[in-house]
Amino acid sequence: MQVGGPSWTVEYGRRDGVTANITLANEELPSALNSGPQLQSNFESKGFNLQQMVALSGKTSAADAKGKTNVVFSPI
């Protein structure tokens, strides 16, 4: 799905670990209940700017709007 805006190439797969940590995920990942300013603060603490936050969040939102629940990033 293309909706315009910024894009960049990303590698497939995780490179930072081989196990999941639910405690760390709950501490580090933003909540679906966060406000806009809370989300912006969370993304900025990870080095992302507002435009990048919107681009990363938009993939999920655009898929939700189309009624697709299982979206896979297409190869570039």
PDB file of N, CA and C in Angstrom:
ATOM      1  N   MET A   1       0.850  -1.154   0.000  1.00  0.00           N
ATOM      2  CA  MET A   1       0.000   0.000   0.000  1.00  0.00           C
ATOM      3  C   MET A   1       0.904   1.228   0.000  1.00  0.00           C
ATOM      4  N   GLN A   2       0.651   2.175  -0.874  1.00  0.00           N
ATOM      5  CA  GLN A   2       1.423   3.402  -0.917  1.00  0.00           C
ATOM      6  C   GLN A   2       0.511   4.580  -0.599  1.00  0.00           C
ATOM      7  N   VAL A   3       0.950   5.414   0.323  1.00  0.00           N
ATOM      8  CA  VAL A   3       0.171   6.582   0.694  1.00  0.00           C
ATOM      9  C   VAL A   3       0.996   7.863   0.608  1.00  0.00           C
ATOM     10  N   GLY A   4       2.218   7.768   0.079  1.00  0.00           N
ATOM     11  CA  GLY A   4       3.092   8.933  -0.025  1.00  0.00           C
ATOM     12  C   GLY A   4       3.880   9.143   1.252  1.00  0.00           C
ATOM     13  N   GLY A   5       4.698  10.174   1.266  1.00  0.00           N
ATOM     14  CA  GLY A   5       5.496  10.473   2.450  1.00  0.00           C
ATOM     15  C   GLY A   5       6.867   9.842   2.388  1.00  0.00           C
ATOM     16  N   PRO A   6       7.621   9.980   3.471  1.00  0.00           N
ATOM     17  CA  PRO A   6       9.001   9.488   3.465  1.00  0.00           C
ATOM     18  C   PRO A   6       9.063   7.966   3.454  1.00  0.00           C
ATOM     19  N   SER A   7      10.168   7.443   2.956  1.00  0.00           N
ATOM     20  CA  SER A   7      10.375   5.996   2.977  1.00  0.00           C
ATOM     21  C   SER A   7      11.869   5.720   3.074  1.00  0.00           C
ATOM     22  N   TRP A   8      12.208   4.529   3.528  1.00  0.00           N
ATOM     23  CA  TRP A   8      13.605   4.118   3.594  1.00  0.00           C
ATOM     24  C   TRP A   8      13.652   2.606   3.577  1.00  0.00           C
ATOM     25  N   THR A   9      14.797   2.068   3.176  1.00  0.00           N
ATOM     26  CA  THR A   9      14.997   0.633   3.093  1.00  0.00           C
ATOM     27  C   THR A   9      15.376   0.099   4.468  1.00  0.00           C
ATOM     28  N   VAL A  10      14.784  -1.014   4.857  1.00  0.00           N
ATOM     29  CA  VAL A  10      15.128  -1.659   6.122  1.00  0.00           C
ATOM     30  C   VAL A  10      15.443  -3.122   5.870  1.00  0.00           C
ATOM     31  N   GLU A  11      16.340  -3.691   6.673  1.00  0.00           N
ATOM     32  CA  GLU A  11      16.654  -5.108   6.567  1.00  0.00           C
ATOM     33  C   GLU A  11      15.561  -5.917   7.251  1.00  0.00           C
ATOM     34  N   TYR A  12      15.388  -7.151   6.797  1.00  0.00           N
ATOM     35  CA  TYR A  12      14.403  -8.041   7.402  1.00  0.00           C
ATOM     36  C   TYR A  12      14.975  -8.704   8.645  1.00  0.00           C
ATOM     37  N   GLY A  13      14.136  -8.978   9.597  1.00  0.00           N
ATOM     38  CA  GLY A  13      14.527  -9.750  10.769  1.00  0.00           C
ATOM     39  C   GLY A  13      15.113  -8.929  11.890  1.00  0.00           C
ATOM     40  N   ARG A  14      15.075  -9.483  13.076  1.00  0.00           N
ATOM     41  CA  ARG A  14      15.646  -8.840  14.257  1.00  0.00           C
ATOM     42  C   ARG A  14      17.130  -9.136  14.322  1.00  0.00           C
ATOM     43  N   ARG A  15      17.911  -8.153  14.718  1.00  0.00           N
ATOM     44  CA  ARG A  15      19.348  -8.334  14.836  1.00  0.00           C
ATOM     45  C   ARG A  15      19.827  -8.085  16.275  1.00  0.00           C
ATOM     46  N   ASP A  16      18.886  -7.748  17.159  1.00  0.00           N
ATOM     47  CA  ASP A  16      19.295  -7.321  18.494  1.00  0.00           C
ATOM     48  C   ASP A  16      19.067  -8.352  19.597  1.00  0.00           C
ATOM     49  N   GLY A  17      18.649  -9.526  19.263  1.00  0.00           N
ATOM     50  CA  GLY A  17      18.451 -10.522  20.301  1.00  0.00           C
ATOM     51  C   GLY A  17      17.750 -11.757  19.782  1.00  0.00           C
ATOM     52  N   VAL A  18      17.787 -12.799  20.560  1.00  0.00           N
ATOM     53  CA  VAL A  18      17.150 -14.054  20.154  1.00  0.00           C
ATOM     54  C   VAL A  18      16.024 -14.450  21.111  1.00  0.00           C
ATOM     55  N   THR A  19      15.794 -13.643  22.144  1.00  0.00           N
ATOM     56  CA  THR A  19      14.716 -13.930  23.087  1.00  0.00           C
ATOM     57  C   THR A  19      13.838 -12.704  23.261  1.00  0.00           C
ATOM     58  N   ALA A  20      12.637 -12.908  23.687  1.00  0.00           N
ATOM     59  CA  ALA A  20      11.711 -11.807  23.963  1.00  0.00           C
ATOM     60  C   ALA A  20      11.731 -11.508  25.452  1.00  0.00           C
ATOM     61  N   ASN A  21      11.515 -10.246  25.800  1.00  0.00           N
ATOM     62  CA  ASN A  21      11.496  -9.836  27.201  1.00  0.00           C
ATOM     63  C   ASN A  21      10.244  -8.992  27.418  1.00  0.00           C
ATOM     64  N   ILE A  22       9.195  -9.601  27.964  1.00  0.00           N
ATOM     65  CA  ILE A  22       7.920  -8.904  28.106  1.00  0.00           C
ATOM     66  C   ILE A  22       8.017  -7.698  29.046  1.00  0.00           C
ATOM     67  N   THR A  23       8.840  -7.810  30.083  1.00  0.00           N
ATOM     68  CA  THR A  23       9.002  -6.682  31.014  1.00  0.00           C
ATOM     69  C   THR A  23       9.610  -5.490  30.297  1.00  0.00           C
ATOM     70  N   LEU A  24      10.686  -5.725  29.555  1.00  0.00           N
ATOM     71  CA  LEU A  24      11.338  -4.650  28.814  1.00  0.00           C
ATOM     72  C   LEU A  24      10.403  -4.082  27.744  1.00  0.00           C
ATOM     73  N   ALA A  25       9.654  -4.955  27.070  1.00  0.00           N
ATOM     74  CA  ALA A  25       8.705  -4.485  26.060  1.00  0.00           C
ATOM     75  C   ALA A  25       7.652  -3.581  26.689  1.00  0.00           C
ATOM     76  N   ASN A  26       7.139  -3.975  27.837  1.00  0.00           N
ATOM     77  CA  ASN A  26       6.128  -3.159  28.513  1.00  0.00           C
ATOM     78  C   ASN A  26       6.690  -1.823  28.992  1.00  0.00           C
ATOM     79  N   GLU A  27       7.968  -1.796  29.319  1.00  0.00           N
ATOM     80  CA  GLU A  27       8.604  -0.554  29.771  1.00  0.00           C
ATOM     81  C   GLU A  27       8.982   0.358  28.609  1.00  0.00           C
ATOM     82  N   GLU A  28       9.405  -0.218  27.481  1.00  0.00           N
ATOM     83  CA  GLU A  28       9.988   0.562  26.389  1.00  0.00           C
ATOM     84  C   GLU A  28       9.048   0.871  25.233  1.00  0.00           C
ATOM     85  N   LEU A  29       8.068   0.024  24.986  1.00  0.00           N
ATOM     86  CA  LEU A  29       7.166   0.242  23.854  1.00  0.00           C
ATOM     87  C   LEU A  29       6.007   1.152  24.272  1.00  0.00           C
ATOM     88  N   PRO A  30       5.584   2.040  23.373  1.00  0.00           N
ATOM     89  CA  PRO A  30       4.471   2.934  23.730  1.00  0.00           C
ATOM     90  C   PRO A  30       3.161   2.163  23.856  1.00  0.00           C
ATOM     91  N   SER A  31       2.318   2.660  24.718  1.00  0.00           N
ATOM     92  CA  SER A  31       1.004   2.063  24.920  1.00  0.00           C
ATOM     93  C   SER A  31       0.030   2.587  23.872  1.00  0.00           C
ATOM     94  N   ALA A  32      -0.950   1.781  23.546  1.00  0.00           N
ATOM     95  CA  ALA A  32      -2.008   2.224  22.639  1.00  0.00           C
ATOM     96  C   ALA A  32      -2.855   3.319  23.285  1.00  0.00           C
ATOM     97  N   LEU A  33      -2.737   3.474  24.593  1.00  0.00           N
ATOM     98  CA  LEU A  33      -3.510   4.472  25.315  1.00  0.00           C
ATOM     99  C   LEU A  33      -2.763   5.792  25.489  1.00  0.00           C
ATOM    100  N   ASN A  34      -1.521   5.864  25.015  1.00  0.00           N
ATOM    101  CA  ASN A  34      -0.735   7.096  25.157  1.00  0.00           C
ATOM    102  C   ASN A  34      -1.339   8.241  24.355  1.00  0.00           C
ATOM    103  N   SER A  35      -1.179   9.447  24.876  1.00  0.00           N
ATOM    104  CA  SER A  35      -1.609  10.645  24.155  1.00  0.00           C
ATOM    105  C   SER A  35      -0.573  10.984  23.078  1.00  0.00           C
ATOM    106  N   GLY A  36      -0.917  11.908  22.208  1.00  0.00           N
ATOM    107  CA  GLY A  36       0.030  12.354  21.172  1.00  0.00           C
ATOM    108  C   GLY A  36       1.344  12.839  21.756  1.00  0.00           C
ATOM    109  N   PRO A  37       1.310  13.746  22.748  1.00  0.00           N
ATOM    110  CA  PRO A  37       2.567  14.204  23.355  1.00  0.00           C
ATOM    111  C   PRO A  37       3.368  13.076  24.014  1.00  0.00           C
ATOM    112  N   GLN A  38       2.679  12.108  24.627  1.00  0.00           N
ATOM    113  CA  GLN A  38       3.380  10.976  25.235  1.00  0.00           C
ATOM    114  C   GLN A  38       4.064  10.123  24.165  1.00  0.00           C
ATOM    115  N   LEU A  39       3.372   9.889  23.059  1.00  0.00           N
ATOM    116  CA  LEU A  39       3.969   9.125  21.958  1.00  0.00           C
ATOM    117  C   LEU A  39       5.179   9.853  21.384  1.00  0.00           C
ATOM    118  N   GLN A  40       5.036  11.159  21.175  1.00  0.00           N
ATOM    119  CA  GLN A  40       6.139  11.939  20.626  1.00  0.00           C
ATOM    120  C   GLN A  40       7.350  11.874  21.563  1.00  0.00           C
ATOM    121  N   SER A  41       7.122  11.996  22.841  1.00  0.00           N
ATOM    122  CA  SER A  41       8.206  11.927  23.812  1.00  0.00           C
ATOM    123  C   SER A  41       8.881  10.558  23.781  1.00  0.00           C
ATOM    124  N   ASN A  42       8.067   9.496  23.699  1.00  0.00           N
ATOM    125  CA  ASN A  42       8.603   8.143  23.654  1.00  0.00           C
ATOM    126  C   ASN A  42       9.476   7.943  22.414  1.00  0.00           C
ATOM    127  N   PHE A  43       8.984   8.358  21.253  1.00  0.00           N
ATOM    128  CA  PHE A  43       9.753   8.198  20.016  1.00  0.00           C
ATOM    129  C   PHE A  43      11.005   9.071  20.028  1.00  0.00           C
ATOM    130  N   GLU A  44      10.898  10.293  20.538  1.00  0.00           N
ATOM    131  CA  GLU A  44      12.065  11.176  20.609  1.00  0.00           C
ATOM    132  C   GLU A  44      13.139  10.586  21.508  1.00  0.00           C
ATOM    133  N   SER A  45      12.748   9.897  22.570  1.00  0.00           N
ATOM    134  CA  SER A  45      13.743   9.276  23.462  1.00  0.00           C
ATOM    135  C   SER A  45      14.509   8.165  22.766  1.00  0.00           C
ATOM    136  N   LYS A  46      13.953   7.657  21.656  1.00  0.00           N
ATOM    137  CA  LYS A  46      14.621   6.618  20.863  1.00  0.00           C
ATOM    138  C   LYS A  46      15.348   7.200  19.658  1.00  0.00           C
ATOM    139  N   GLY A  47      15.329   8.545  19.531  1.00  0.00           N
ATOM    140  CA  GLY A  47      16.055   9.195  18.445  1.00  0.00           C
ATOM    141  C   GLY A  47      15.241   9.487  17.198  1.00  0.00           C
ATOM    142  N   PHE A  48      13.921   9.293  17.258  1.00  0.00           N
ATOM    143  CA  PHE A  48      13.064   9.565  16.114  1.00  0.00           C
ATOM    144  C   PHE A  48      12.480  10.972  16.205  1.00  0.00           C
ATOM    145  N   ASN A  49      12.295  11.618  15.056  1.00  0.00           N
ATOM    146  CA  ASN A  49      11.629  12.915  15.054  1.00  0.00           C
ATOM    147  C   ASN A  49      10.137  12.701  14.778  1.00  0.00           C
ATOM    148  N   LEU A  50       9.378  13.787  14.788  1.00  0.00           N
ATOM    149  CA  LEU A  50       7.930  13.688  14.621  1.00  0.00           C
ATOM    150  C   LEU A  50       7.546  13.086  13.275  1.00  0.00           C
ATOM    151  N   GLN A  51       8.227  13.481  12.205  1.00  0.00           N
ATOM    152  CA  GLN A  51       7.918  12.950  10.872  1.00  0.00           C
ATOM    153  C   GLN A  51       8.166  11.439  10.819  1.00  0.00           C
ATOM    154  N   GLN A  52       9.244  10.984  11.413  1.00  0.00           N
ATOM    155  CA  GLN A  52       9.539   9.553  11.434  1.00  0.00           C
ATOM    156  C   GLN A  52       8.517   8.797  12.271  1.00  0.00           C
ATOM    157  N   MET A  53       8.095   9.377  13.388  1.00  0.00           N
ATOM    158  CA  MET A  53       7.080   8.743  14.219  1.00  0.00           C
ATOM    159  C   MET A  53       5.788   8.543  13.427  1.00  0.00           C
ATOM    160  N   VAL A  54       5.388   9.583  12.710  1.00  0.00           N
ATOM    161  CA  VAL A  54       4.152   9.502  11.921  1.00  0.00           C
ATOM    162  C   VAL A  54       4.281   8.458  10.821  1.00  0.00           C
ATOM    163  N   ALA A  55       5.436   8.421  10.161  1.00  0.00           N
ATOM    164  CA  ALA A  55       5.642   7.438   9.086  1.00  0.00           C
ATOM    165  C   ALA A  55       5.596   6.018   9.637  1.00  0.00           C
ATOM    166  N   LEU A  56       6.243   5.767  10.765  1.00  0.00           N
ATOM    167  CA  LEU A  56       6.235   4.432  11.359  1.00  0.00           C
ATOM    168  C   LEU A  56       4.849   4.054  11.861  1.00  0.00           C
ATOM    169  N   SER A  57       4.138   4.988  12.423  1.00  0.00           N
ATOM    170  CA  SER A  57       2.792   4.727  12.947  1.00  0.00           C
ATOM    171  C   SER A  57       1.781   4.583  11.814  1.00  0.00           C
ATOM    172  N   GLY A  58       2.019   5.269  10.719  1.00  0.00           N
ATOM    173  CA  GLY A  58       1.079   5.284   9.602  1.00  0.00           C
ATOM    174  C   GLY A  58       0.894   3.952   8.927  1.00  0.00           C
ATOM    175  N   LYS A  59       1.923   3.112   8.882  1.00  0.00           N
ATOM    176  CA  LYS A  59       1.808   1.797   8.237  1.00  0.00           C
ATOM    177  C   LYS A  59       0.709   0.991   8.902  1.00  0.00           C
ATOM    178  N   THR A  60       0.682   0.983  10.224  1.00  0.00           N
ATOM    179  CA  THR A  60      -0.337   0.237  10.949  1.00  0.00           C
ATOM    180  C   THR A  60      -1.705   0.883  10.791  1.00  0.00           C
ATOM    181  N   SER A  61      -1.767   2.196  10.911  1.00  0.00           N
ATOM    182  CA  SER A  61      -3.046   2.897  10.811  1.00  0.00           C
ATOM    183  C   SER A  61      -3.668   2.746   9.430  1.00  0.00           C
ATOM    184  N   ALA A  62      -2.847   2.848   8.381  1.00  0.00           N
ATOM    185  CA  ALA A  62      -3.367   2.710   7.020  1.00  0.00           C
ATOM    186  C   ALA A  62      -3.904   1.302   6.811  1.00  0.00           C
ATOM    187  N   ALA A  63      -3.215   0.305   7.332  1.00  0.00           N
ATOM    188  CA  ALA A  63      -3.685  -1.075   7.202  1.00  0.00           C
ATOM    189  C   ALA A  63      -4.983  -1.267   7.979  1.00  0.00           C
ATOM    190  N   ASP A  64      -5.067  -0.688   9.177  1.00  0.00           N
ATOM    191  CA  ASP A  64      -6.293  -0.799   9.973  1.00  0.00           C
ATOM    192  C   ASP A  64      -7.477  -0.172   9.233  1.00  0.00           C
ATOM    193  N   ALA A  65      -7.239   0.958   8.577  1.00  0.00           N
ATOM    194  CA  ALA A  65      -8.307   1.647   7.855  1.00  0.00           C
ATOM    195  C   ALA A  65      -8.813   0.818   6.681  1.00  0.00           C
ATOM    196  N   LYS A  66      -7.926   0.005   6.116  1.00  0.00           N
ATOM    197  CA  LYS A  66      -8.319  -0.847   4.994  1.00  0.00           C
ATOM    198  C   LYS A  66      -8.908  -2.173   5.474  1.00  0.00           C
ATOM    199  N   GLY A  67      -8.934  -2.388   6.802  1.00  0.00           N
ATOM    200  CA  GLY A  67      -9.498  -3.616   7.347  1.00  0.00           C
ATOM    201  C   GLY A  67      -8.566  -4.801   7.288  1.00  0.00           C
ATOM    202  N   LYS A  68      -7.272  -4.542   7.118  1.00  0.00           N
ATOM    203  CA  LYS A  68      -6.300  -5.639   7.049  1.00  0.00           C
ATOM    204  C   LYS A  68      -5.676  -5.803   8.426  1.00  0.00           C
ATOM    205  N   THR A  69      -5.718  -7.014   8.942  1.00  0.00           N
ATOM    206  CA  THR A  69      -5.184  -7.233  10.288  1.00  0.00           C
ATOM    207  C   THR A  69      -3.784  -7.833  10.273  1.00  0.00           C
ATOM    208  N   ASN A  70      -3.372  -8.443   9.175  1.00  0.00           N
ATOM    209  CA  ASN A  70      -2.055  -9.067   9.118  1.00  0.00           C
ATOM    210  C   ASN A  70      -1.272  -8.445   7.966  1.00  0.00           C
ATOM    211  N   VAL A  71      -0.549  -7.376   8.247  1.00  0.00           N
ATOM    212  CA  VAL A  71       0.173  -6.644   7.205  1.00  0.00           C
ATOM    213  C   VAL A  71       1.644  -6.972   7.289  1.00  0.00           C
ATOM    214  N   VAL A  72       2.238  -7.296   6.156  1.00  0.00           N
ATOM    215  CA  VAL A  72       3.668  -7.585   6.079  1.00  0.00           C
ATOM    216  C   VAL A  72       4.308  -6.521   5.222  1.00  0.00           C
ATOM    217  N   PHE A  73       5.448  -5.979   5.670  1.00  0.00           N
ATOM    218  CA  PHE A  73       6.163  -4.991   4.887  1.00  0.00           C
ATOM    219  C   PHE A  73       6.642  -5.644   3.605  1.00  0.00           C
ATOM    220  N   SER A  74       6.418  -4.983   2.477  1.00  0.00           N
ATOM    221  CA  SER A  74       6.838  -5.499   1.183  1.00  0.00           C
ATOM    222  C   SER A  74       8.324  -5.275   0.967  1.00  0.00           C
ATOM    223  N   PRO A  75       8.998  -6.172   0.256  1.00  0.00           N
ATOM    224  CA  PRO A  75      10.412  -5.947  -0.064  1.00  0.00           C
ATOM    225  C   PRO A  75      10.555  -4.721  -0.943  1.00  0.00           C
ATOM    226  N   ILE A  76      11.630  -4.017  -0.757  1.00  0.00           N
ATOM    227  CA  ILE A  76      11.871  -2.808  -1.559  1.00  0.00           C
ATOM    228  C   ILE A  76      12.870  -3.121  -2.634  1.00  0.00           C
TER     229      ILE A  76
END
